[in-house]
PDB file of N, CA and C in Angstrom:
ATOM      1  N   MET A   1     136.337 128.142 118.003  1.00  0.00           N
ATOM      2  CA  MET A   1     135.631 127.705 116.813  1.00  0.00           C
ATOM      3  C   MET A   1     135.182 126.262 117.014  1.00  0.00           C
ATOM      4  N   SER A   2     133.942 125.992 116.660  1.00  0.00           N
ATOM      5  CA  SER A   2     133.420 124.627 116.823  1.00  0.00           C
ATOM      6  C   SER A   2     133.945 123.725 115.708  1.00  0.00           C
ATOM      7  N   ASP A   3     133.840 122.415 115.936  1.00  0.00           N
ATOM      8  CA  ASP A   3     134.234 121.455 114.902  1.00  0.00           C
ATOM      9  C   ASP A   3     133.419 121.660 113.632  1.00  0.00           C
ATOM     10  N   ASP A   4     132.128 121.945 113.776  1.00  0.00           N
ATOM     11  CA  ASP A   4     131.274 122.158 112.608  1.00  0.00           C
ATOM     12  C   ASP A   4     131.731 123.373 111.805  1.00  0.00           C
ATOM     13  N   GLU A   5     132.101 124.449 112.491  1.00  0.00           N
ATOM     14  CA  GLU A   5     132.594 125.640 111.796  1.00  0.00           C
ATOM     15  C   GLU A   5     133.920 125.359 111.085  1.00  0.00           C
ATOM     16  N   ARG A   6     134.806 124.656 111.769  1.00  0.00           N
ATOM     17  CA  ARG A   6     136.094 124.319 111.152  1.00  0.00           C
ATOM     18  C   ARG A   6     135.890 123.373 109.979  1.00  0.00           C
ATOM     19  N   PHE A   7     134.951 122.409 110.119  1.00  0.00           N
ATOM     20  CA  PHE A   7     134.664 121.467 109.037  1.00  0.00           C
ATOM     21  C   PHE A   7     134.119 122.215 107.819  1.00  0.00           C
ATOM     22  N   ALA A   8     133.318 123.248 108.057  1.00  0.00           N
ATOM     23  CA  ALA A   8     132.811 124.073 106.958  1.00  0.00           C
ATOM     24  C   ALA A   8     133.961 124.791 106.257  1.00  0.00           C
ATOM     25  N   GLN A   9     134.953 125.247 107.019  1.00  0.00           N
ATOM     26  CA  GLN A   9     136.133 125.886 106.423  1.00  0.00           C
ATOM     27  C   GLN A   9     136.912 124.872 105.579  1.00  0.00           C
ATOM     28  N   VAL A  10     137.049 123.655 106.096  1.00  0.00           N
ATOM     29  CA  VAL A  10     137.720 122.590 105.342  1.00  0.00           C
ATOM     30  C   VAL A  10     136.981 122.369 104.021  1.00  0.00           C
ATOM     31  N   GLY A  11     135.656 122.278 104.094  1.00  0.00           N
ATOM     32  CA  GLY A  11     134.861 122.073 102.892  1.00  0.00           C
ATOM     33  C   GLY A  11     135.057 123.178 101.871  1.00  0.00           C
ATOM     34  N   ALA A  12     135.079 124.410 102.333  1.00  0.00           N
ATOM     35  CA  ALA A  12     135.280 125.540 101.425  1.00  0.00           C
ATOM     36  C   ALA A  12     136.639 125.455 100.737  1.00  0.00           C
ATOM     37  N   ALA A  13     137.648 124.978 101.460  1.00  0.00           N
ATOM     38  CA  ALA A  13     138.987 124.855 100.880  1.00  0.00           C
ATOM     39  C   ALA A  13     139.084 123.681  99.910  1.00  0.00           C
ATOM     40  N   LEU A  14     138.329 122.603 100.168  1.00  0.00           N
ATOM     41  CA  LEU A  14     138.457 121.398  99.343  1.00  0.00           C
ATOM     42  C   LEU A  14     137.506 121.338  98.163  1.00  0.00           C
ATOM     43  N   GLU A  15     136.333 121.927  98.282  1.00  0.00           N
ATOM     44  CA  GLU A  15     135.377 121.791  97.183  1.00  0.00           C
ATOM     45  C   GLU A  15     135.822 122.517  95.918  1.00  0.00           C
ATOM     46  N   VAL A  16     136.813 123.380  96.020  1.00  0.00           N
ATOM     47  CA  VAL A  16     137.354 124.044  94.833  1.00  0.00           C
ATOM     48  C   VAL A  16     138.488 123.237  94.192  1.00  0.00           C
ATOM     49  N   ARG A  17     138.878 122.157  94.845  1.00  0.00           N
ATOM     50  CA  ARG A  17     139.937 121.287  94.315  1.00  0.00           C
ATOM     51  C   ARG A  17     139.306 120.088  93.617  1.00  0.00           C
ATOM     52  N   ALA A  18     139.914 119.645  92.557  1.00  0.00           N
ATOM     53  CA  ALA A  18     139.389 118.523  91.777  1.00  0.00           C
ATOM     54  C   ALA A  18     139.351 117.240  92.605  1.00  0.00           C
ATOM     55  N   GLY A  19     138.245 116.498  92.472  1.00  0.00           N
ATOM     56  CA  GLY A  19     138.143 115.159  93.035  1.00  0.00           C
ATOM     57  C   GLY A  19     137.641 115.040  94.453  1.00  0.00           C
ATOM     58  N   TRP A  20     137.446 116.145  95.158  1.00  0.00           N
ATOM     59  CA  TRP A  20     137.021 116.089  96.558  1.00  0.00           C
ATOM     60  C   TRP A  20     135.508 116.122  96.674  1.00  0.00           C
ATOM     61  N   HIS A  21     134.973 115.370  97.632  1.00  0.00           N
ATOM     62  CA  HIS A  21     133.539 115.390  97.906  1.00  0.00           C
ATOM     63  C   HIS A  21     133.291 115.125  99.382  1.00  0.00           C
ATOM     64  N   TYR A  22     132.120 115.542  99.838  1.00  0.00           N
ATOM     65  CA  TYR A  22     131.687 115.312 101.212  1.00  0.00           C
ATOM     66  C   TYR A  22     131.306 113.850 101.371  1.00  0.00           C
ATOM     67  N   GLY A  23     131.768 113.237 102.451  1.00  0.00           N
ATOM     68  CA  GLY A  23     131.414 111.858 102.758  1.00  0.00           C
ATOM     69  C   GLY A  23     130.854 111.763 104.164  1.00  0.00           C
ATOM     70  N   PRO A  24     129.573 111.400 104.303  1.00  0.00           N
ATOM     71  CA  PRO A  24     128.999 111.268 105.643  1.00  0.00           C
ATOM     72  C   PRO A  24     129.690 110.150 106.418  1.00  0.00           C
ATOM     73  N   SER A  25     129.563 110.185 107.713  1.00  0.00           N
ATOM     74  CA  SER A  25     130.164 109.159 108.559  1.00  0.00           C
ATOM     75  C   SER A  25     129.606 107.793 108.208  1.00  0.00           C
ATOM     76  N   THR A  26     130.471 106.798 108.204  1.00  0.00           N
ATOM     77  CA  THR A  26     130.031 105.420 107.961  1.00  0.00           C
ATOM     78  C   THR A  26     129.802 104.671 109.266  1.00  0.00           C
ATOM     79  N   ALA A  27     130.137 105.309 110.381  1.00  0.00           N
ATOM     80  CA  ALA A  27     129.933 104.706 111.704  1.00  0.00           C
ATOM     81  C   ALA A  27     129.047 105.628 112.537  1.00  0.00           C
ATOM     82  N   PRO A  28     128.103 105.070 113.270  1.00  0.00           N
ATOM     83  CA  PRO A  28     127.250 105.918 114.120  1.00  0.00           C
ATOM     84  C   PRO A  28     128.081 106.775 115.067  1.00  0.00           C
ATOM     85  N   GLY A  29     127.840 108.079 115.027  1.00  0.00           N
ATOM     86  CA  GLY A  29     128.553 108.989 115.907  1.00  0.00           C
ATOM     87  C   GLY A  29     129.934 109.370 115.434  1.00  0.00           C
ATOM     88  N   GLY A  30     130.389 108.784 114.340  1.00  0.00           N
ATOM     89  CA  GLY A  30     131.711 109.104 113.819  1.00  0.00           C
ATOM     90  C   GLY A  30     131.700 110.392 113.036  1.00  0.00           C
ATOM     91  N   PRO A  31     132.873 110.970 112.815  1.00  0.00           N
ATOM     92  CA  PRO A  31     132.927 112.242 112.093  1.00  0.00           C
ATOM     93  C   PRO A  31     132.716 112.060 110.591  1.00  0.00           C
ATOM     94  N   ALA A  32     132.102 113.048 109.969  1.00  0.00           N
ATOM     95  CA  ALA A  32     132.018 113.089 108.512  1.00  0.00           C
ATOM     96  C   ALA A  32     133.401 113.440 107.979  1.00  0.00           C
ATOM     97  N   SER A  33     133.610 113.209 106.703  1.00  0.00           N
ATOM     98  CA  SER A  33     134.905 113.487 106.094  1.00  0.00           C
ATOM     99  C   SER A  33     134.733 114.131 104.735  1.00  0.00           C
ATOM    100  N   TRP A  34     135.760 114.830 104.318  1.00  0.00           N
ATOM    101  CA  TRP A  34     135.903 115.222 102.929  1.00  0.00           C
ATOM    102  C   TRP A  34     136.844 114.199 102.324  1.00  0.00           C
ATOM    103  N   CYS A  35     136.455 113.608 101.194  1.00  0.00           N
ATOM    104  CA  CYS A  35     137.187 112.478 100.631  1.00  0.00           C
ATOM    105  C   CYS A  35     137.695 112.772  99.225  1.00  0.00           C
ATOM    106  N   LEU A  36     138.877 112.238  98.945  1.00  0.00           N
ATOM    107  CA  LEU A  36     139.442 112.268  97.598  1.00  0.00           C
ATOM    108  C   LEU A  36     139.467 110.833  97.112  1.00  0.00           C
ATOM    109  N   ASP A  37     138.714 110.564  96.038  1.00  0.00           N
ATOM    110  CA  ASP A  37     138.669 109.196  95.500  1.00  0.00           C
ATOM    111  C   ASP A  37     138.691 109.216  93.975  1.00  0.00           C
ATOM    112  N   PRO A  38     139.848 109.584  93.400  1.00  0.00           N
ATOM    113  CA  PRO A  38     139.928 109.752  91.950  1.00  0.00           C
ATOM    114  C   PRO A  38     139.685 108.475  91.150  1.00  0.00           C
ATOM    115  N   GLY A  39     139.960 107.320  91.715  1.00  0.00           N
ATOM    116  CA  GLY A  39     139.747 106.056  91.001  1.00  0.00           C
ATOM    117  C   GLY A  39     138.591 105.263  91.563  1.00  0.00           C
ATOM    118  N   GLY A  40     137.719 105.913  92.336  1.00  0.00           N
ATOM    119  CA  GLY A  40     136.591 105.217  92.942  1.00  0.00           C
ATOM    120  C   GLY A  40     136.899 104.652  94.314  1.00  0.00           C
ATOM    121  N   LYS A  41     138.132 104.766  94.757  1.00  0.00           N
ATOM    122  CA  LYS A  41     138.548 104.294  96.076  1.00  0.00           C
ATOM    123  C   LYS A  41     139.121 105.494  96.833  1.00  0.00           C
ATOM    124  N   VAL A  42     138.689 105.672  98.081  1.00  0.00           N
ATOM    125  CA  VAL A  42     139.162 106.812  98.864  1.00  0.00           C
ATOM    126  C   VAL A  42     140.667 106.682  99.100  1.00  0.00           C
ATOM    127  N   VAL A  43     141.405 107.719  98.698  1.00  0.00           N
ATOM    128  CA  VAL A  43     142.851 107.734  98.905  1.00  0.00           C
ATOM    129  C   VAL A  43     143.265 108.722  99.993  1.00  0.00           C
ATOM    130  N   LEU A  44     142.395 109.715 100.263  1.00  0.00           N
ATOM    131  CA  LEU A  44     142.601 110.658 101.363  1.00  0.00           C
ATOM    132  C   LEU A  44     141.240 111.002 101.948  1.00  0.00           C
ATOM    133  N   ALA A  45     141.198 111.169 103.256  1.00  0.00           N
ATOM    134  CA  ALA A  45     139.985 111.637 103.927  1.00  0.00           C
ATOM    135  C   ALA A  45     140.403 112.681 104.950  1.00  0.00           C
ATOM    136  N   VAL A  46     139.637 113.751 105.023  1.00  0.00           N
ATOM    137  CA  VAL A  46     139.950 114.836 105.953  1.00  0.00           C
ATOM    138  C   VAL A  46     138.772 115.030 106.885  1.00  0.00           C
ATOM    139  N   ASN A  47     139.064 115.072 108.196  1.00  0.00           N
ATOM    140  CA  ASN A  47     138.001 115.360 109.155  1.00  0.00           C
ATOM    141  C   ASN A  47     138.527 116.270 110.252  1.00  0.00           C
ATOM    142  N   VAL A  48     137.606 116.684 111.106  1.00  0.00           N
ATOM    143  CA  VAL A  48     137.923 117.590 112.211  1.00  0.00           C
ATOM    144  C   VAL A  48     137.413 116.954 113.494  1.00  0.00           C
ATOM    145  N   VAL A  49     138.301 116.792 114.460  1.00  0.00           N
ATOM    146  CA  VAL A  49     137.928 116.262 115.773  1.00  0.00           C
ATOM    147  C   VAL A  49     138.601 117.130 116.829  1.00  0.00           C
ATOM    148  N   ASP A  50     137.809 117.607 117.754  1.00  0.00           N
ATOM    149  CA  ASP A  50     138.312 118.475 118.824  1.00  0.00           C
ATOM    150  C   ASP A  50     139.087 119.672 118.279  1.00  0.00           C
ATOM    151  N   GLY A  51     138.586 120.226 117.171  1.00  0.00           N
ATOM    152  CA  GLY A  51     139.175 121.428 116.601  1.00  0.00           C
ATOM    153  C   GLY A  51     140.379 121.211 115.717  1.00  0.00           C
ATOM    154  N   ALA A  52     140.872 119.976 115.652  1.00  0.00           N
ATOM    155  CA  ALA A  52     142.073 119.690 114.877  1.00  0.00           C
ATOM    156  C   ALA A  52     141.724 119.049 113.537  1.00  0.00           C
ATOM    157  N   VAL A  53     142.346 119.532 112.477  1.00  0.00           N
ATOM    158  CA  VAL A  53     142.157 118.981 111.140  1.00  0.00           C
ATOM    159  C   VAL A  53     143.173 117.856 110.945  1.00  0.00           C
ATOM    160  N   THR A  54     142.664 116.713 110.453  1.00  0.00           N
ATOM    161  CA  THR A  54     143.519 115.549 110.239  1.00  0.00           C
ATOM    162  C   THR A  54     143.268 114.973 108.852  1.00  0.00           C
ATOM    163  N   VAL A  55     144.355 114.604 108.172  1.00  0.00           N
ATOM    164  CA  VAL A  55     144.274 113.904 106.894  1.00  0.00           C
ATOM    165  C   VAL A  55     144.517 112.429 107.188  1.00  0.00           C
ATOM    166  N   TYR A  56     143.590 111.580 106.737  1.00  0.00           N
ATOM    167  CA  TYR A  56     143.760 110.135 106.890  1.00  0.00           C
ATOM    168  C   TYR A  56     144.175 109.554 105.542  1.00  0.00           C
ATOM    169  N   VAL A  57     145.243 108.749 105.552  1.00  0.00           N
ATOM    170  CA  VAL A  57     145.746 108.084 104.351  1.00  0.00           C
ATOM    171  C   VAL A  57     145.468 106.588 104.511  1.00  0.00           C
ATOM    172  N   PRO A  58     144.354 106.095 103.930  1.00  0.00           N
ATOM    173  CA  PRO A  58     143.966 104.696 104.137  1.00  0.00           C
ATOM    174  C   PRO A  58     145.022 103.686 103.699  1.00  0.00           C
ATOM    175  N   GLU A  59     145.728 103.980 102.620  1.00  0.00           N
ATOM    176  CA  GLU A  59     146.738 103.055 102.096  1.00  0.00           C
ATOM    177  C   GLU A  59     147.761 102.667 103.167  1.00  0.00           C
ATOM    178  N   ASN A  60     148.097 103.619 104.039  1.00  0.00           N
ATOM    179  CA  ASN A  60     149.096 103.389 105.091  1.00  0.00           C
ATOM    180  C   ASN A  60     148.479 103.327 106.479  1.00  0.00           C
ATOM    181  N   ASP A  61     147.135 103.466 106.562  1.00  0.00           N
ATOM    182  CA  ASP A  61     146.435 103.566 107.843  1.00  0.00           C
ATOM    183  C   ASP A  61     147.117 104.623 108.721  1.00  0.00           C
ATOM    184  N   LEU A  62     147.299 105.796 108.130  1.00  0.00           N
ATOM    185  CA  LEU A  62     148.072 106.869 108.752  1.00  0.00           C
ATOM    186  C   LEU A  62     147.217 108.117 108.919  1.00  0.00           C
ATOM    187  N   ASP A  63     147.196 108.665 110.125  1.00  0.00           N
ATOM    188  CA  ASP A  63     146.569 109.952 110.398  1.00  0.00           C
ATOM    189  C   ASP A  63     147.660 111.018 110.416  1.00  0.00           C
ATOM    190  N   VAL A  64     147.472 112.060 109.615  1.00  0.00           N
ATOM    191  CA  VAL A  64     148.438 113.154 109.540  1.00  0.00           C
ATOM    192  C   VAL A  64     147.790 114.402 110.126  1.00  0.00           C
ATOM    193  N   PRO A  65     148.185 114.797 111.334  1.00  0.00           N
ATOM    194  CA  PRO A  65     147.625 116.022 111.910  1.00  0.00           C
ATOM    195  C   PRO A  65     148.203 117.238 111.190  1.00  0.00           C
ATOM    196  N   VAL A  66     147.304 118.086 110.674  1.00  0.00           N
ATOM    197  CA  VAL A  66     147.757 119.278 109.959  1.00  0.00           C
ATOM    198  C   VAL A  66     147.345 120.558 110.678  1.00  0.00           C
ATOM    199  N   GLY A  67     146.634 120.427 111.787  1.00  0.00           N
ATOM    200  CA  GLY A  67     146.302 121.563 112.641  1.00  0.00           C
ATOM    201  C   GLY A  67     145.054 122.304 112.245  1.00  0.00           C
ATOM    202  N   ASP A  68     145.161 123.077 111.171  1.00  0.00           N
ATOM    203  CA  ASP A  68     144.038 123.926 110.766  1.00  0.00           C
ATOM    204  C   ASP A  68     143.937 123.929 109.244  1.00  0.00           C
ATOM    205  N   VAL A  69     143.073 124.765 108.715  1.00  0.00           N
ATOM    206  CA  VAL A  69     142.855 124.793 107.269  1.00  0.00           C
ATOM    207  C   VAL A  69     144.111 125.245 106.527  1.00  0.00           C
ATOM    208  N   ASP A  70     144.834 126.213 107.071  1.00  0.00           N
ATOM    209  CA  ASP A  70     146.084 126.641 106.433  1.00  0.00           C
ATOM    210  C   ASP A  70     147.081 125.490 106.373  1.00  0.00           C
ATOM    211  N   GLY A  71     147.167 124.712 107.453  1.00  0.00           N
ATOM    212  CA  GLY A  71     148.047 123.544 107.474  1.00  0.00           C
ATOM    213  C   GLY A  71     147.608 122.495 106.468  1.00  0.00           C
ATOM    214  N   LEU A  72     146.296 122.312 106.332  1.00  0.00           N
ATOM    215  CA  LEU A  72     145.760 121.370 105.350  1.00  0.00           C
ATOM    216  C   LEU A  72     146.139 121.787 103.940  1.00  0.00           C
ATOM    217  N   VAL A  73     145.918 123.045 103.617  1.00  0.00           N
ATOM    218  CA  VAL A  73     146.235 123.542 102.281  1.00  0.00           C
ATOM    219  C   VAL A  73     147.728 123.386 102.003  1.00  0.00           C
ATOM    220  N   ALA A  74     148.564 123.698 102.971  1.00  0.00           N
ATOM    221  CA  ALA A  74     150.014 123.561 102.794  1.00  0.00           C
ATOM    222  C   ALA A  74     150.392 122.100 102.563  1.00  0.00           C
ATOM    223  N   TRP A  75     149.786 121.179 103.336  1.00  0.00           N
ATOM    224  CA  TRP A  75     150.084 119.751 103.177  1.00  0.00           C
ATOM    225  C   TRP A  75     149.642 119.263 101.802  1.00  0.00           C
ATOM    226  N   LEU A  76     148.434 119.651 101.383  1.00  0.00           N
ATOM    227  CA  LEU A  76     147.942 119.229 100.067  1.00  0.00           C
ATOM    228  C   LEU A  76     148.783 119.817  98.940  1.00  0.00           C
ATOM    229  N   ASP A  77     149.226 121.062  99.090  1.00  0.00           N
ATOM    230  CA  ASP A  77     150.088 121.656  98.074  1.00  0.00           C
ATOM    231  C   ASP A  77     151.411 120.899  97.968  1.00  0.00           C
ATOM    232  N   ALA A  78     151.901 120.394  99.084  1.00  0.00           N
ATOM    233  CA  ALA A  78     153.174 119.684  99.099  1.00  0.00           C
ATOM    234  C   ALA A  78     153.040 118.218  98.680  1.00  0.00           C
ATOM    235  N   TYR A  79     151.964 117.541  99.098  1.00  0.00           N
ATOM    236  CA  TYR A  79     151.866 116.094  98.915  1.00  0.00           C
ATOM    237  C   TYR A  79     150.635 115.612  98.154  1.00  0.00           C
ATOM    238  N   GLY A  80     149.638 116.449  97.979  1.00  0.00           N
ATOM    239  CA  GLY A  80     148.357 116.005  97.431  1.00  0.00           C
ATOM    240  C   GLY A  80     148.388 115.470  96.013  1.00  0.00           C
ATOM    241  N   ASP A  81     149.241 116.022  95.167  1.00  0.00           N
ATOM    242  CA  ASP A  81     149.267 115.590  93.759  1.00  0.00           C
ATOM    243  C   ASP A  81     149.566 114.108  93.608  1.00  0.00           C
ATOM    244  N   ARG A  82     150.325 113.529  94.505  1.00  0.00           N
ATOM    245  CA  ARG A  82     150.670 112.100  94.366  1.00  0.00           C
ATOM    246  C   ARG A  82     149.450 111.201  94.541  1.00  0.00           C
ATOM    247  N   TYR A  83     148.370 111.732  95.109  1.00  0.00           N
ATOM    248  CA  TYR A  83     147.166 110.930  95.340  1.00  0.00           C
ATOM    249  C   TYR A  83     146.100 111.140  94.266  1.00  0.00           C
ATOM    250  N   LEU A  84     146.275 112.114  93.398  1.00  0.00           N
ATOM    251  CA  LEU A  84     145.256 112.428  92.392  1.00  0.00           C
ATOM    252  C   LEU A  84     145.073 111.342  91.338  1.00  0.00           C
ATOM    253  N   ALA A  85     146.105 110.579  91.055  1.00  0.00           N
ATOM    254  CA  ALA A  85     145.999 109.529  90.038  1.00  0.00           C
ATOM    255  C   ALA A  85     145.215 108.324  90.534  1.00  0.00           C
ATOM    256  N   GLY A  86     145.037 108.231  91.845  1.00  0.00           N
ATOM    257  CA  GLY A  86     144.250 107.121  92.403  1.00  0.00           C
ATOM    258  C   GLY A  86     145.010 105.920  92.598  1.00  0.00           C
TER     259      GLY A  86
END
């Protein structure tokens, strides 16, 4: 599966959740992200690089590898609510 196909799967999983939107890359050649920014500031960003889905937590400058879309959904179900308040 290509990164674009996996990114489309990520989008399908996130666009049904409150607060998520597509964010184009801010750096030339960088990956696009799906972003959660409930208070106007991005608190989570999800992208796909080399087939792997990663959640970026800007507050901690932390990349959380979740593997695939199922891993992403499981991680968000476990930890995502704490980021919804912004």
